[in-house]
C-alpha cells in the first residue's frame, strides 16, 4: 500500500501525556523551528450560539 493511502486511512492521534489545552496551544521555540521540530495545529471549535433566538 502506498504511503498516501495509508495516511488517509489513519485517524488523527495525540501522543500519550499531551494535555490538549496546554501543550497544543504552546508555540514552538526558535530552536525547534530552526530544527524543523514542530507541528502546525489547527483547532476547530463548534459554536452553537444562535443570535436569532430561535
C-alpha atoms as a PDB file:
ATOM      1  CA  UNK A   1       0.000   0.000   0.000  1.00  0.00           C
ATOM      2  CA  UNK A   2       1.430   3.369  -0.882  1.00  0.00           C
ATOM      3  CA  UNK A   3       2.130   5.907   1.858  1.00  0.00           C
ATOM      4  CA  UNK A   4      -0.585   8.426   0.858  1.00  0.00           C
ATOM      5  CA  UNK A   5      -3.373   5.840   1.034  1.00  0.00           C
ATOM      6  CA  UNK A   6      -2.140   4.534   4.396  1.00  0.00           C
ATOM      7  CA  UNK A   7      -2.079   8.036   5.910  1.00  0.00           C
ATOM      8  CA  UNK A   8      -5.618   8.813   4.702  1.00  0.00           C
ATOM      9  CA  UNK A   9      -6.973   5.742   6.500  1.00  0.00           C
ATOM     10  CA  UNK A  10      -5.407   6.568   9.872  1.00  0.00           C
ATOM     11  CA  UNK A  11      -7.378   8.526  12.458  1.00  0.00           C
ATOM     12  CA  UNK A  12      -5.705  11.622  13.953  1.00  0.00           C
ATOM     13  CA  UNK A  13      -3.933  10.822  17.207  1.00  0.00           C
ATOM     14  CA  UNK A  14      -2.344  12.710  20.076  1.00  0.00           C
ATOM     15  CA  UNK A  15       0.723  11.374  21.853  1.00  0.00           C
ATOM     16  CA  UNK A  16       0.240   9.927  25.318  1.00  0.00           C
ATOM     17  CA  UNK A  17       0.726  12.578  28.003  1.00  0.00           C
ATOM     18  CA  UNK A  18      -0.297  15.529  25.835  1.00  0.00           C
ATOM     19  CA  UNK A  19      -2.733  17.888  27.551  1.00  0.00           C
ATOM     20  CA  UNK A  20      -4.891  19.319  24.757  1.00  0.00           C
ATOM     21  CA  UNK A  21      -5.398  22.760  26.268  1.00  0.00           C
ATOM     22  CA  UNK A  22      -1.835  23.386  27.367  1.00  0.00           C
ATOM     23  CA  UNK A  23       0.728  21.753  25.068  1.00  0.00           C
ATOM     24  CA  UNK A  24      -1.213  22.145  21.818  1.00  0.00           C
ATOM     25  CA  UNK A  25      -1.507  25.911  22.369  1.00  0.00           C
ATOM     26  CA  UNK A  26       2.187  26.340  23.189  1.00  0.00           C
ATOM     27  CA  UNK A  27       4.263  27.999  20.452  1.00  0.00           C
ATOM     28  CA  UNK A  28       7.401  26.327  19.161  1.00  0.00           C
ATOM     29  CA  UNK A  29      10.671  27.882  20.272  1.00  0.00           C
ATOM     30  CA  UNK A  30      13.029  29.482  17.751  1.00  0.00           C
ATOM     31  CA  UNK A  31      15.358  26.478  18.159  1.00  0.00           C
ATOM     32  CA  UNK A  32      12.545  23.984  17.477  1.00  0.00           C
ATOM     33  CA  UNK A  33      11.559  25.931  14.355  1.00  0.00           C
ATOM     34  CA  UNK A  34      15.190  26.061  13.183  1.00  0.00           C
ATOM     35  CA  UNK A  35      15.450  22.261  13.531  1.00  0.00           C
ATOM     36  CA  UNK A  36      12.033  21.709  11.904  1.00  0.00           C
ATOM     37  CA  UNK A  37      10.803  20.091  15.120  1.00  0.00           C
ATOM     38  CA  UNK A  38       7.273  21.500  15.249  1.00  0.00           C
ATOM     39  CA  UNK A  39       3.766  20.727  14.026  1.00  0.00           C
ATOM     40  CA  UNK A  40       1.129  23.181  12.849  1.00  0.00           C
ATOM     41  CA  UNK A  41      -2.010  22.690  14.932  1.00  0.00           C
ATOM     42  CA  UNK A  42      -5.467  23.674  13.704  1.00  0.00           C
ATOM     43  CA  UNK A  43      -8.233  23.905  16.288  1.00  0.00           C
ATOM     44  CA  UNK A  44     -11.870  23.528  15.240  1.00  0.00           C
ATOM     45  CA  UNK A  45     -14.444  24.889  17.687  1.00  0.00           C
ATOM     46  CA  UNK A  46     -18.183  24.356  17.309  1.00  0.00           C
ATOM     47  CA  UNK A  47     -20.106  27.455  18.352  1.00  0.00           C
ATOM     48  CA  UNK A  48     -23.808  26.761  18.869  1.00  0.00           C
ATOM     49  CA  UNK A  49     -24.752  30.357  19.668  1.00  0.00           C
ATOM     50  CA  UNK A  50     -27.829  31.414  17.689  1.00  0.00           C
ATOM     51  CA  UNK A  51     -28.408  35.185  17.921  1.00  0.00           C
ATOM     52  CA  UNK A  52     -31.807  34.913  16.218  1.00  0.00           C
ATOM     53  CA  UNK A  53     -33.366  33.398  19.370  1.00  0.00           C
ATOM     54  CA  UNK A  54     -34.999  30.508  17.510  1.00  0.00           C
END
